[in-house]
Protein backbone atom coordinates (compact mmCIF):
# COMPACT_ATOMS: atom_id res chain seq x y z
CA UNK A 1 -30.15 3.07 7.17
CA UNK A 2 -26.73 1.51 7.49
CA UNK A 3 -26.55 -2.23 7.42
CA UNK A 4 -24.32 -4.09 9.84
CA UNK A 5 -21.59 -4.69 7.25
CA UNK A 6 -21.40 -1.00 6.37
CA UNK A 7 -21.13 -0.03 10.03
CA UNK A 8 -18.42 -2.61 10.74
CA UNK A 9 -16.50 -1.61 7.60
CA UNK A 10 -16.60 2.07 8.56
CA UNK A 11 -15.30 1.24 12.04
CA UNK A 12 -12.53 -0.90 10.58
CA UNK A 13 -11.63 1.86 8.11
CA UNK A 14 -11.40 4.40 10.93
CA UNK A 15 -9.12 2.00 12.80
CA UNK A 16 -6.99 1.61 9.65
CA UNK A 17 -6.74 5.40 9.15
CA UNK A 18 -5.72 5.89 12.78
CA UNK A 19 -3.11 3.16 12.31
CA UNK A 20 -1.76 4.91 9.19
CA UNK A 21 -1.47 8.22 11.08
CA UNK A 22 0.28 6.44 13.96
CA UNK A 23 2.80 4.85 11.55
CA UNK A 24 3.47 8.27 10.01
CA UNK A 25 4.13 9.81 13.42
CA UNK A 26 6.50 6.93 14.25
CA UNK A 27 8.41 7.63 11.05
CA UNK A 28 7.56 4.24 9.57
CA UNK A 29 5.53 5.70 6.70
CA UNK A 30 6.34 8.55 4.36
CA UNK A 31 3.97 11.35 3.32
CA UNK A 32 3.16 9.71 -0.03
CA UNK A 33 2.32 6.43 1.68
CA UNK A 34 0.14 8.19 4.23
CA UNK A 35 -1.79 10.05 1.53
CA UNK A 36 -2.22 6.86 -0.51
CA UNK A 37 -3.53 4.76 2.37
CA UNK A 38 -5.82 7.41 3.83
CA UNK A 39 -7.19 8.04 0.33
CA UNK A 40 -7.63 4.30 -0.17
CA UNK A 41 -9.62 3.84 3.04
CA UNK A 42 -11.76 6.94 2.42
CA UNK A 43 -12.55 5.74 -1.10
CA UNK A 44 -13.41 2.30 0.29
CA UNK A 45 -15.83 3.88 2.78
CA UNK A 46 -17.47 5.90 -0.02
CA UNK A 47 -17.88 2.76 -2.14
CA UNK A 48 -19.36 0.82 0.78
CA UNK A 49 -21.80 3.61 1.63
CA UNK A 50 -22.86 4.11 -2.01
CA UNK A 51 -22.34 0.75 -3.74
CA UNK A 52 -24.37 1.78 -6.81
CA UNK A 53 -21.78 4.44 -7.63
CA UNK A 54 -19.43 1.75 -8.93
CA UNK A 55 -22.11 0.60 -11.36
CA UNK A 56 -22.48 4.10 -12.78
CA UNK A 57 -18.71 4.46 -13.33
CA UNK A 58 -18.48 0.91 -14.71
CA UNK A 59 -21.24 1.57 -17.24
CA UNK A 60 -19.52 4.79 -18.31
CA UNK A 61 -16.29 2.84 -18.90
CA UNK A 62 -18.08 0.02 -20.73
CA UNK A 63 -17.73 -2.55 -17.97
CA UNK A 64 -20.81 -4.62 -17.17
CA UNK A 65 -20.95 -4.49 -13.38
CA UNK A 66 -19.57 -2.27 -10.65
CA UNK A 67 -18.13 -5.29 -8.87
CA UNK A 68 -16.10 -6.11 -11.98
CA UNK A 69 -14.73 -2.56 -12.04
CA UNK A 70 -13.67 -2.83 -8.40
CA UNK A 71 -12.03 -6.19 -9.13
CA UNK A 72 -10.11 -4.87 -12.16
CA UNK A 73 -8.92 -1.74 -10.39
CA UNK A 74 -7.90 -3.80 -7.35
CA UNK A 75 -5.82 -6.12 -9.52
CA UNK A 76 -4.06 -3.20 -11.19
CA UNK A 77 -3.28 -1.56 -7.83
CA UNK A 78 -2.04 -4.84 -6.32
CA UNK A 79 0.26 -5.55 -9.26
CA UNK A 80 1.59 -2.00 -9.20
CA UNK A 81 2.33 -2.24 -5.47
CA UNK A 82 4.00 -5.64 -6.00
CA UNK A 83 6.16 -4.11 -8.73
CA UNK A 84 7.20 -1.24 -6.45
CA UNK A 85 7.91 -3.69 -3.63
CA UNK A 86 10.02 -5.87 -5.92
CA UNK A 87 12.06 -2.86 -7.09
CA UNK A 88 12.60 -1.81 -3.46
CA UNK A 89 13.70 -5.32 -2.46
CA UNK A 90 16.18 -5.45 -5.35
CA UNK A 91 17.56 -2.08 -4.28
CA UNK A 92 17.89 -3.23 -0.67
CA UNK A 93 19.65 -6.40 -1.82
CA UNK A 94 22.21 -4.35 -3.75
CA UNK A 95 22.72 -2.05 -0.75
CA UNK A 96 23.27 -5.00 1.60
CA UNK A 97 25.77 -6.50 -0.85
CA UNK A 98 27.71 -3.22 -0.95
CA UNK A 99 27.80 -2.95 2.85
CA UNK A 100 28.88 -6.57 3.33
CA UNK A 101 31.55 -6.22 0.64
CA UNK A 102 32.92 -3.02 2.23
CA UNK A 103 32.92 -4.58 5.71
CA UNK A 104 34.69 -7.67 4.38
CA UNK A 105 37.41 -5.57 2.74
CA UNK A 106 37.76 -3.57 5.95
CA UNK A 107 38.19 -6.78 7.97
CA UNK A 108 40.75 -8.08 5.47
CA UNK A 109 42.79 -4.88 5.75
CA UNK A 110 42.67 -5.14 9.56
CA UNK A 111 43.89 -8.76 9.45
CA UNK A 112 46.79 -7.83 7.15
CA UNK A 113 47.91 -5.03 9.47
CA UNK A 114 48.25 -7.36 12.45
């Protein structure tokens, strides 16, 4: 029997998956992002429905508890996503600088012609 938390988590996960699909249709999310997030939410549902499965995998990997495994994997994923986000922000900053510089030179040329 599902406990209340499991039921609420499944409903929230379905809402999140629908939101991911909606963002993909709007063009706000690429195919890789869509696959990642749908996979993430499906995996989360599996782990919530069968919480002992994390303990089995954790023991196989030499980690004491399943909750520790989830914590470690979560940290790795968060830091990886932060790294990717940082790289993207740096790239956007360089692109903005190039556009502003080009626009400034264009304005300067226009001023000199008049």
